[in-house]
């Protein structure tokens, strides 16, 4: 590790209440606070409430936080998974309800690909609940090297909702 500081965009989601932090919005607020405590919080988007997809059942509270760290992506992923466990997340079915979900959306180092980790996140640009908050705190972030978060958010806003 070079000791260089990287900027990470971390997607935050919750759709289950927590005994200490309450409703999902409280969980997301607490997660932002923990990211600030464990790393250097650069900024965080307002928390949004979004309808659940698939088997998740309950609506989600979502945000994106920008944090600074000298960790490389695999080490950052490991720390984020530990934070999810600290909040009570247990392994379960994919797309199920969860107390806390943290995903690396992007990082200042560009593209990264290894077993179990791809940056930018494969689905970030197609998910309003990720790209909208990212465009709020980092509108000029280029997820694919060319198109900005703001541009992706604009594209998604123009699509008709699927029902």
N, C-alpha and C. Protein backbone atom coordinates (compact mmCIF):
# COMPACT_ATOMS: atom_id res chain seq x y z
N UNK A 1 0.85 -1.19 0.00
CA UNK A 1 0.00 0.00 0.00
C UNK A 1 0.87 1.23 0.00
N UNK A 2 0.55 2.17 -0.84
CA UNK A 2 1.37 3.36 -1.00
C UNK A 2 1.12 4.41 0.08
N UNK A 3 0.03 4.31 0.83
CA UNK A 3 -0.29 5.32 1.81
C UNK A 3 -1.05 6.49 1.20
N UNK A 4 -1.34 6.42 -0.10
CA UNK A 4 -2.09 7.49 -0.76
C UNK A 4 -3.53 7.51 -0.25
N UNK A 5 -4.10 8.67 -0.20
CA UNK A 5 -5.49 8.80 0.22
C UNK A 5 -6.40 8.71 -1.00
N UNK A 6 -7.44 7.90 -0.85
CA UNK A 6 -8.41 7.70 -1.92
C UNK A 6 -9.76 8.23 -1.47
N UNK A 7 -10.56 8.66 -2.41
CA UNK A 7 -11.94 9.05 -2.14
C UNK A 7 -12.83 7.90 -2.60
N UNK A 8 -13.72 7.47 -1.73
CA UNK A 8 -14.66 6.39 -2.03
C UNK A 8 -16.08 6.93 -1.98
N UNK A 9 -16.92 6.47 -2.89
CA UNK A 9 -18.36 6.70 -2.83
C UNK A 9 -18.99 5.41 -2.32
N UNK A 10 -19.64 5.48 -1.17
CA UNK A 10 -20.22 4.31 -0.51
C UNK A 10 -21.74 4.45 -0.51
N UNK A 11 -22.42 3.49 -1.15
CA UNK A 11 -23.88 3.44 -1.11
C UNK A 11 -24.31 2.82 0.21
N UNK A 12 -25.32 3.42 0.83
CA UNK A 12 -25.81 2.98 2.14
C UNK A 12 -27.30 2.70 2.01
N UNK A 13 -27.72 1.54 2.50
CA UNK A 13 -29.14 1.21 2.45
C UNK A 13 -29.56 0.41 3.68
N UNK A 14 -30.83 0.58 4.05
CA UNK A 14 -31.41 -0.19 5.15
C UNK A 14 -32.91 -0.30 4.91
N UNK A 15 -33.47 -1.48 5.23
CA UNK A 15 -34.93 -1.60 5.21
C UNK A 15 -35.46 -2.44 6.37
N UNK A 16 -34.63 -2.55 7.42
CA UNK A 16 -35.07 -3.22 8.64
C UNK A 16 -34.73 -2.36 9.83
N UNK A 17 -35.63 -2.29 10.79
CA UNK A 17 -35.32 -1.51 11.99
C UNK A 17 -34.20 -2.16 12.81
N UNK A 18 -33.55 -1.35 13.60
CA UNK A 18 -32.46 -1.78 14.47
C UNK A 18 -32.86 -1.46 15.90
N UNK A 19 -32.53 -2.34 16.83
CA UNK A 19 -32.91 -2.13 18.23
C UNK A 19 -32.41 -0.83 18.82
N UNK A 20 -31.26 -0.38 18.44
CA UNK A 20 -30.66 0.85 18.99
C UNK A 20 -30.95 2.08 18.13
N UNK A 21 -30.92 1.92 16.80
CA UNK A 21 -31.01 3.07 15.90
C UNK A 21 -32.41 3.29 15.33
N UNK A 22 -33.33 2.37 15.60
CA UNK A 22 -34.71 2.56 15.18
C UNK A 22 -34.96 2.23 13.72
N UNK A 23 -35.77 3.04 13.10
CA UNK A 23 -36.19 2.83 11.71
C UNK A 23 -35.00 2.89 10.76
N UNK A 24 -35.22 2.41 9.53
CA UNK A 24 -34.13 2.42 8.54
C UNK A 24 -33.45 3.78 8.35
N UNK A 25 -34.21 4.88 8.43
CA UNK A 25 -33.56 6.19 8.30
C UNK A 25 -32.57 6.42 9.44
N UNK A 26 -32.92 5.97 10.62
CA UNK A 26 -32.00 6.08 11.77
C UNK A 26 -30.77 5.20 11.59
N UNK A 27 -30.97 4.03 10.98
CA UNK A 27 -29.84 3.14 10.70
C UNK A 27 -28.88 3.80 9.72
N UNK A 28 -29.43 4.40 8.67
CA UNK A 28 -28.58 5.07 7.67
C UNK A 28 -27.85 6.25 8.31
N UNK A 29 -28.54 7.03 9.14
CA UNK A 29 -27.88 8.14 9.85
C UNK A 29 -26.75 7.63 10.73
N UNK A 30 -27.00 6.54 11.45
CA UNK A 30 -25.97 5.97 12.32
C UNK A 30 -24.80 5.43 11.50
N UNK A 31 -25.09 4.84 10.35
CA UNK A 31 -24.02 4.33 9.48
C UNK A 31 -23.15 5.48 8.96
N UNK A 32 -23.77 6.59 8.60
CA UNK A 32 -23.00 7.76 8.16
C UNK A 32 -22.11 8.24 9.30
N UNK A 33 -22.66 8.28 10.51
CA UNK A 33 -21.87 8.67 11.67
C UNK A 33 -20.70 7.73 11.91
N UNK A 34 -20.93 6.45 11.72
CA UNK A 34 -19.86 5.47 11.91
C UNK A 34 -18.79 5.61 10.84
N UNK A 35 -19.19 5.87 9.60
CA UNK A 35 -18.22 6.10 8.53
C UNK A 35 -17.37 7.33 8.85
N UNK A 36 -18.01 8.35 9.41
CA UNK A 36 -17.27 9.55 9.82
C UNK A 36 -16.28 9.24 10.93
N UNK A 37 -16.69 8.38 11.84
CA UNK A 37 -15.83 7.99 12.96
C UNK A 37 -14.65 7.14 12.49
N UNK A 38 -14.92 6.18 11.61
CA UNK A 38 -13.89 5.23 11.19
C UNK A 38 -12.99 5.75 10.06
N UNK A 39 -13.50 6.68 9.28
CA UNK A 39 -12.77 7.23 8.14
C UNK A 39 -12.90 8.74 8.19
N UNK A 40 -12.50 9.41 7.16
CA UNK A 40 -12.72 10.84 7.05
C UNK A 40 -13.92 11.06 6.14
N UNK A 41 -15.06 11.44 6.74
CA UNK A 41 -16.26 11.70 5.95
C UNK A 41 -16.09 13.01 5.20
N UNK A 42 -16.23 12.95 3.90
CA UNK A 42 -16.09 14.12 3.07
C UNK A 42 -17.46 14.79 2.88
N UNK A 43 -18.49 13.97 2.64
CA UNK A 43 -19.84 14.49 2.43
C UNK A 43 -20.81 13.31 2.45
N UNK A 44 -22.08 13.60 2.66
CA UNK A 44 -23.13 12.57 2.60
C UNK A 44 -24.38 13.19 1.99
N UNK A 45 -25.04 12.42 1.15
CA UNK A 45 -26.28 12.87 0.51
C UNK A 45 -27.44 12.78 1.49
N UNK A 46 -28.48 13.57 1.27
CA UNK A 46 -29.69 13.42 2.09
C UNK A 46 -30.24 12.00 1.95
N UNK A 47 -30.90 11.54 2.99
CA UNK A 47 -31.46 10.19 2.99
C UNK A 47 -32.78 10.20 2.22
N UNK A 48 -32.92 9.22 1.33
CA UNK A 48 -34.13 9.06 0.52
C UNK A 48 -34.85 7.79 0.92
N UNK A 49 -36.17 7.78 0.77
CA UNK A 49 -36.97 6.56 0.98
C UNK A 49 -37.34 6.05 -0.40
N UNK A 50 -37.05 4.77 -0.66
CA UNK A 50 -37.27 4.18 -1.97
C UNK A 50 -38.03 2.86 -1.85
N UNK A 51 -38.90 2.57 -2.82
CA UNK A 51 -39.63 1.30 -2.78
C UNK A 51 -38.68 0.12 -2.93
N UNK A 52 -39.00 -0.95 -2.23
CA UNK A 52 -38.21 -2.17 -2.30
C UNK A 52 -38.37 -2.84 -3.65
N UNK A 53 -37.34 -3.56 -4.07
CA UNK A 53 -37.37 -4.35 -5.30
C UNK A 53 -37.21 -5.82 -4.94
N UNK A 54 -37.80 -6.68 -5.72
CA UNK A 54 -37.62 -8.12 -5.52
C UNK A 54 -38.21 -8.59 -4.20
N UNK A 55 -37.46 -9.45 -3.52
CA UNK A 55 -37.94 -10.08 -2.29
C UNK A 55 -37.66 -9.25 -1.04
N UNK A 56 -37.15 -8.03 -1.19
CA UNK A 56 -36.76 -7.24 -0.03
C UNK A 56 -37.95 -6.85 0.84
N UNK A 57 -39.14 -6.71 0.25
CA UNK A 57 -40.34 -6.49 1.05
C UNK A 57 -40.59 -5.07 1.47
N UNK A 58 -39.80 -4.52 2.35
CA UNK A 58 -40.01 -3.19 2.92
C UNK A 58 -39.25 -2.12 2.14
N UNK A 59 -39.76 -0.89 2.23
CA UNK A 59 -39.08 0.22 1.59
C UNK A 59 -37.69 0.43 2.20
N UNK A 60 -36.80 0.97 1.40
CA UNK A 60 -35.42 1.23 1.81
C UNK A 60 -35.19 2.70 2.11
N UNK A 61 -34.32 2.96 3.06
CA UNK A 61 -33.73 4.28 3.26
C UNK A 61 -32.34 4.18 2.61
N UNK A 62 -32.00 5.17 1.76
CA UNK A 62 -30.73 5.12 1.02
C UNK A 62 -30.02 6.47 1.07
N UNK A 63 -28.70 6.39 0.97
CA UNK A 63 -27.85 7.57 0.85
C UNK A 63 -26.54 7.14 0.20
N UNK A 64 -25.70 8.10 -0.06
CA UNK A 64 -24.33 7.85 -0.50
C UNK A 64 -23.43 8.75 0.32
N UNK A 65 -22.35 8.18 0.83
CA UNK A 65 -21.36 8.95 1.58
C UNK A 65 -20.05 8.93 0.81
N UNK A 66 -19.36 10.05 0.86
CA UNK A 66 -18.01 10.14 0.30
C UNK A 66 -17.05 10.13 1.47
N UNK A 67 -16.13 9.16 1.45
CA UNK A 67 -15.16 9.05 2.53
C UNK A 67 -13.75 9.00 1.96
N UNK A 68 -12.80 9.41 2.77
CA UNK A 68 -11.39 9.35 2.39
C UNK A 68 -10.70 8.28 3.22
N UNK A 69 -9.82 7.52 2.58
CA UNK A 69 -9.10 6.46 3.27
C UNK A 69 -7.86 6.09 2.47
N UNK A 70 -6.87 5.56 3.17
CA UNK A 70 -5.69 5.05 2.47
C UNK A 70 -5.81 3.56 2.18
N UNK A 71 -6.96 2.95 2.49
CA UNK A 71 -7.17 1.53 2.22
C UNK A 71 -7.34 1.29 0.73
N UNK A 72 -6.86 0.13 0.26
CA UNK A 72 -7.14 -0.27 -1.11
C UNK A 72 -8.54 -0.89 -1.15
N UNK A 73 -9.14 -1.07 -2.33
CA UNK A 73 -10.53 -1.56 -2.40
C UNK A 73 -10.81 -2.87 -1.65
N UNK A 74 -9.98 -3.92 -1.75
CA UNK A 74 -10.31 -5.13 -0.98
C UNK A 74 -10.32 -4.89 0.54
N UNK A 75 -9.39 -4.09 1.03
CA UNK A 75 -9.36 -3.79 2.46
C UNK A 75 -10.57 -2.94 2.85
N UNK A 76 -10.97 -2.01 1.99
CA UNK A 76 -12.16 -1.20 2.26
C UNK A 76 -13.40 -2.08 2.30
N UNK A 77 -13.54 -2.99 1.34
CA UNK A 77 -14.68 -3.90 1.33
C UNK A 77 -14.74 -4.71 2.61
N UNK A 78 -13.62 -5.19 3.06
CA UNK A 78 -13.56 -5.97 4.30
C UNK A 78 -14.03 -5.14 5.49
N UNK A 79 -13.60 -3.88 5.56
CA UNK A 79 -14.02 -3.00 6.65
C UNK A 79 -15.52 -2.72 6.58
N UNK A 80 -16.04 -2.52 5.37
CA UNK A 80 -17.47 -2.26 5.23
C UNK A 80 -18.30 -3.47 5.63
N UNK A 81 -17.86 -4.67 5.27
CA UNK A 81 -18.59 -5.88 5.65
C UNK A 81 -18.55 -6.06 7.17
N UNK A 82 -17.44 -5.69 7.80
CA UNK A 82 -17.36 -5.72 9.26
C UNK A 82 -18.34 -4.74 9.90
N UNK A 83 -18.48 -3.57 9.29
CA UNK A 83 -19.43 -2.58 9.78
C UNK A 83 -20.86 -3.08 9.65
N UNK A 84 -21.17 -3.74 8.53
CA UNK A 84 -22.50 -4.33 8.37
C UNK A 84 -22.77 -5.35 9.49
N UNK A 85 -21.78 -6.17 9.79
CA UNK A 85 -21.95 -7.16 10.88
C UNK A 85 -22.14 -6.46 12.23
N UNK A 86 -21.40 -5.37 12.46
CA UNK A 86 -21.57 -4.61 13.70
C UNK A 86 -22.99 -4.10 13.87
N UNK A 87 -23.66 -3.83 12.77
CA UNK A 87 -25.04 -3.35 12.80
C UNK A 87 -26.04 -4.49 12.80
N UNK A 88 -25.56 -5.73 12.83
CA UNK A 88 -26.46 -6.88 12.93
C UNK A 88 -26.78 -7.57 11.63
N UNK A 89 -26.10 -7.23 10.56
CA UNK A 89 -26.38 -7.90 9.29
C UNK A 89 -25.86 -9.33 9.35
N UNK A 90 -26.69 -10.23 8.89
CA UNK A 90 -26.32 -11.64 8.80
C UNK A 90 -26.45 -12.08 7.36
N UNK A 91 -25.64 -13.04 6.99
CA UNK A 91 -25.73 -13.57 5.62
C UNK A 91 -27.12 -14.14 5.42
N UNK A 92 -27.65 -13.91 4.26
CA UNK A 92 -29.00 -14.39 3.96
C UNK A 92 -29.22 -14.39 2.48
N UNK A 93 -30.46 -14.42 2.12
CA UNK A 93 -30.77 -14.49 0.69
C UNK A 93 -30.44 -13.16 0.00
N UNK A 94 -30.06 -13.29 -1.24
CA UNK A 94 -29.77 -12.11 -2.06
C UNK A 94 -31.08 -11.35 -2.28
N UNK A 95 -31.02 -10.05 -2.24
CA UNK A 95 -32.14 -9.16 -2.43
C UNK A 95 -33.14 -9.21 -1.27
N UNK A 96 -32.78 -9.82 -0.17
CA UNK A 96 -33.67 -9.85 0.99
C UNK A 96 -33.57 -8.59 1.81
N UNK A 97 -34.39 -8.51 2.86
CA UNK A 97 -34.33 -7.35 3.73
C UNK A 97 -33.03 -7.38 4.52
N UNK A 98 -32.56 -6.20 4.91
CA UNK A 98 -31.30 -6.12 5.64
C UNK A 98 -31.27 -4.88 6.52
N UNK A 99 -30.59 -5.03 7.65
CA UNK A 99 -30.42 -3.91 8.56
C UNK A 99 -29.54 -2.85 7.92
N UNK A 100 -28.42 -3.27 7.33
CA UNK A 100 -27.51 -2.32 6.70
C UNK A 100 -26.82 -2.97 5.51
N UNK A 101 -26.78 -2.23 4.42
CA UNK A 101 -26.09 -2.67 3.22
C UNK A 101 -25.14 -1.54 2.80
N UNK A 102 -23.86 -1.85 2.67
CA UNK A 102 -22.85 -0.89 2.25
C UNK A 102 -22.15 -1.43 1.01
N UNK A 103 -22.11 -0.62 -0.03
CA UNK A 103 -21.46 -1.02 -1.28
C UNK A 103 -20.51 0.08 -1.74
N UNK A 104 -19.36 -0.34 -2.26
CA UNK A 104 -18.46 0.61 -2.89
C UNK A 104 -19.01 0.89 -4.28
N UNK A 105 -19.41 2.13 -4.52
CA UNK A 105 -19.94 2.52 -5.82
C UNK A 105 -18.79 2.88 -6.75
N UNK A 106 -17.86 3.68 -6.24
CA UNK A 106 -16.73 4.15 -7.04
C UNK A 106 -15.60 4.54 -6.10
N UNK A 107 -14.42 4.70 -6.66
CA UNK A 107 -13.29 5.21 -5.89
C UNK A 107 -12.42 6.04 -6.82
N UNK A 108 -11.59 6.88 -6.24
CA UNK A 108 -10.79 7.81 -7.04
C UNK A 108 -9.69 7.13 -7.84
N UNK A 109 -9.46 5.85 -7.61
CA UNK A 109 -8.45 5.10 -8.35
C UNK A 109 -8.93 4.57 -9.69
N UNK A 110 -10.19 4.82 -10.04
CA UNK A 110 -10.71 4.37 -11.33
C UNK A 110 -11.35 3.00 -11.25
N UNK A 111 -11.06 2.16 -12.23
CA UNK A 111 -11.64 0.82 -12.28
C UNK A 111 -10.83 -0.14 -11.41
N UNK A 112 -11.57 -1.11 -10.85
CA UNK A 112 -10.95 -2.17 -10.05
C UNK A 112 -11.76 -3.43 -10.28
N UNK A 113 -11.09 -4.53 -10.46
CA UNK A 113 -11.78 -5.80 -10.61
C UNK A 113 -10.97 -6.90 -9.97
N UNK A 114 -11.61 -7.61 -9.06
CA UNK A 114 -11.01 -8.78 -8.41
C UNK A 114 -12.16 -9.69 -8.02
N UNK A 115 -11.85 -10.86 -7.51
CA UNK A 115 -12.89 -11.80 -7.11
C UNK A 115 -13.80 -11.14 -6.07
N UNK A 116 -15.07 -11.03 -6.40
CA UNK A 116 -16.05 -10.50 -5.46
C UNK A 116 -16.13 -8.99 -5.38
N UNK A 117 -15.37 -8.27 -6.21
CA UNK A 117 -15.40 -6.81 -6.14
C UNK A 117 -15.13 -6.20 -7.51
N UNK A 118 -16.07 -5.41 -7.98
CA UNK A 118 -15.92 -4.67 -9.22
C UNK A 118 -16.28 -3.22 -8.95
N UNK A 119 -15.36 -2.32 -9.31
CA UNK A 119 -15.58 -0.89 -9.16
C UNK A 119 -15.31 -0.24 -10.50
N UNK A 120 -16.21 0.63 -10.98
CA UNK A 120 -17.46 1.06 -10.36
C UNK A 120 -18.45 -0.10 -10.23
N UNK A 121 -19.33 0.03 -9.24
CA UNK A 121 -20.35 -0.98 -9.00
C UNK A 121 -21.12 -1.22 -10.30
N UNK A 122 -21.32 -2.48 -10.65
CA UNK A 122 -21.92 -2.85 -11.93
C UNK A 122 -23.29 -2.21 -12.18
N UNK A 123 -24.09 -2.05 -11.15
CA UNK A 123 -25.47 -1.57 -11.33
C UNK A 123 -25.68 -0.13 -10.90
N UNK A 124 -24.65 0.54 -10.45
CA UNK A 124 -24.83 1.89 -9.88
C UNK A 124 -25.53 2.84 -10.83
N UNK A 125 -25.11 2.88 -12.07
CA UNK A 125 -25.64 3.87 -13.02
C UNK A 125 -27.10 3.61 -13.40
N UNK A 126 -27.62 2.42 -13.10
CA UNK A 126 -29.00 2.10 -13.46
C UNK A 126 -29.94 2.12 -12.25
N UNK A 127 -29.44 2.51 -11.09
CA UNK A 127 -30.25 2.52 -9.87
C UNK A 127 -30.44 3.94 -9.37
N UNK A 128 -31.67 4.42 -9.42
CA UNK A 128 -31.96 5.78 -8.94
C UNK A 128 -31.52 5.98 -7.50
N UNK A 129 -31.70 4.95 -6.66
CA UNK A 129 -31.40 5.09 -5.25
C UNK A 129 -29.90 5.16 -4.96
N UNK A 130 -29.08 4.91 -5.98
CA UNK A 130 -27.63 5.07 -5.85
C UNK A 130 -27.17 6.31 -6.62
N UNK A 131 -27.54 6.39 -7.87
CA UNK A 131 -27.01 7.46 -8.74
C UNK A 131 -27.58 8.82 -8.33
N UNK A 132 -28.82 8.87 -7.87
CA UNK A 132 -29.39 10.15 -7.42
C UNK A 132 -28.61 10.76 -6.27
N UNK A 133 -28.41 10.01 -5.16
CA UNK A 133 -27.60 10.55 -4.07
C UNK A 133 -26.15 10.84 -4.48
N UNK A 134 -25.56 9.98 -5.32
CA UNK A 134 -24.19 10.25 -5.77
C UNK A 134 -24.14 11.55 -6.56
N UNK A 135 -25.12 11.77 -7.42
CA UNK A 135 -25.15 13.01 -8.20
C UNK A 135 -25.34 14.24 -7.31
N UNK A 136 -25.95 14.06 -6.15
CA UNK A 136 -26.12 15.16 -5.20
C UNK A 136 -24.79 15.59 -4.59
N UNK A 137 -23.96 14.61 -4.20
CA UNK A 137 -22.71 14.95 -3.50
C UNK A 137 -21.49 14.99 -4.42
N UNK A 138 -21.58 14.35 -5.58
CA UNK A 138 -20.43 14.31 -6.51
C UNK A 138 -20.94 14.29 -7.95
N UNK A 139 -21.61 15.36 -8.39
CA UNK A 139 -22.23 15.34 -9.72
C UNK A 139 -21.24 15.14 -10.86
N UNK A 140 -20.01 15.52 -10.69
CA UNK A 140 -19.02 15.39 -11.76
C UNK A 140 -18.26 14.08 -11.77
N UNK A 141 -18.58 13.16 -10.82
CA UNK A 141 -17.86 11.88 -10.76
C UNK A 141 -18.18 11.09 -12.02
N UNK A 142 -17.15 10.68 -12.72
CA UNK A 142 -17.30 9.91 -13.96
C UNK A 142 -17.22 8.42 -13.64
N UNK A 143 -18.36 7.74 -13.76
CA UNK A 143 -18.41 6.33 -13.42
C UNK A 143 -17.81 5.44 -14.50
N UNK A 144 -17.89 5.86 -15.72
CA UNK A 144 -17.37 5.01 -16.80
C UNK A 144 -16.21 5.67 -17.53
N UNK A 145 -15.66 6.72 -16.95
CA UNK A 145 -14.57 7.44 -17.60
C UNK A 145 -15.04 8.59 -18.46
N UNK A 146 -16.33 8.60 -18.83
CA UNK A 146 -16.84 9.65 -19.70
C UNK A 146 -18.09 10.32 -19.15
N UNK A 147 -19.09 9.53 -18.74
CA UNK A 147 -20.38 10.06 -18.33
C UNK A 147 -20.39 10.31 -16.82
N UNK A 148 -20.86 11.50 -16.44
CA UNK A 148 -20.87 11.89 -15.03
C UNK A 148 -22.08 11.31 -14.30
N UNK A 149 -21.99 11.31 -12.98
CA UNK A 149 -23.11 10.88 -12.14
C UNK A 149 -24.34 11.74 -12.42
N UNK A 150 -24.15 13.04 -12.59
CA UNK A 150 -25.26 13.94 -12.91
C UNK A 150 -25.95 13.52 -14.22
N UNK A 151 -25.16 13.18 -15.21
CA UNK A 151 -25.72 12.78 -16.51
C UNK A 151 -26.50 11.47 -16.38
N UNK A 152 -25.94 10.48 -15.64
CA UNK A 152 -26.65 9.22 -15.44
C UNK A 152 -27.97 9.48 -14.70
N UNK A 153 -27.95 10.34 -13.69
CA UNK A 153 -29.17 10.66 -12.93
C UNK A 153 -30.20 11.30 -13.84
N UNK A 154 -29.77 12.18 -14.71
CA UNK A 154 -30.67 12.83 -15.66
C UNK A 154 -31.29 11.79 -16.60
N UNK A 155 -30.49 10.85 -17.06
CA UNK A 155 -31.01 9.78 -17.94
C UNK A 155 -32.08 8.97 -17.22
N UNK A 156 -31.81 8.58 -15.98
CA UNK A 156 -32.77 7.77 -15.23
C UNK A 156 -34.05 8.54 -14.95
N UNK A 157 -33.93 9.82 -14.68
CA UNK A 157 -35.11 10.64 -14.38
C UNK A 157 -36.03 10.75 -15.60
N UNK A 158 -35.48 10.64 -16.79
CA UNK A 158 -36.28 10.75 -18.00
C UNK A 158 -36.99 9.46 -18.36
N UNK A 159 -36.57 8.34 -17.78
CA UNK A 159 -37.23 7.06 -18.07
C UNK A 159 -38.57 7.00 -17.38
N UNK A 160 -39.47 6.26 -18.00
CA UNK A 160 -40.77 6.01 -17.37
C UNK A 160 -40.61 4.93 -16.33
N UNK A 161 -41.32 5.06 -15.21
CA UNK A 161 -41.27 3.99 -14.20
C UNK A 161 -41.83 2.69 -14.77
N UNK A 162 -41.22 1.59 -14.42
CA UNK A 162 -41.70 0.27 -14.85
C UNK A 162 -42.73 -0.23 -13.83
N UNK A 163 -43.87 -0.59 -14.30
CA UNK A 163 -44.92 -1.09 -13.41
C UNK A 163 -45.44 -2.40 -13.92
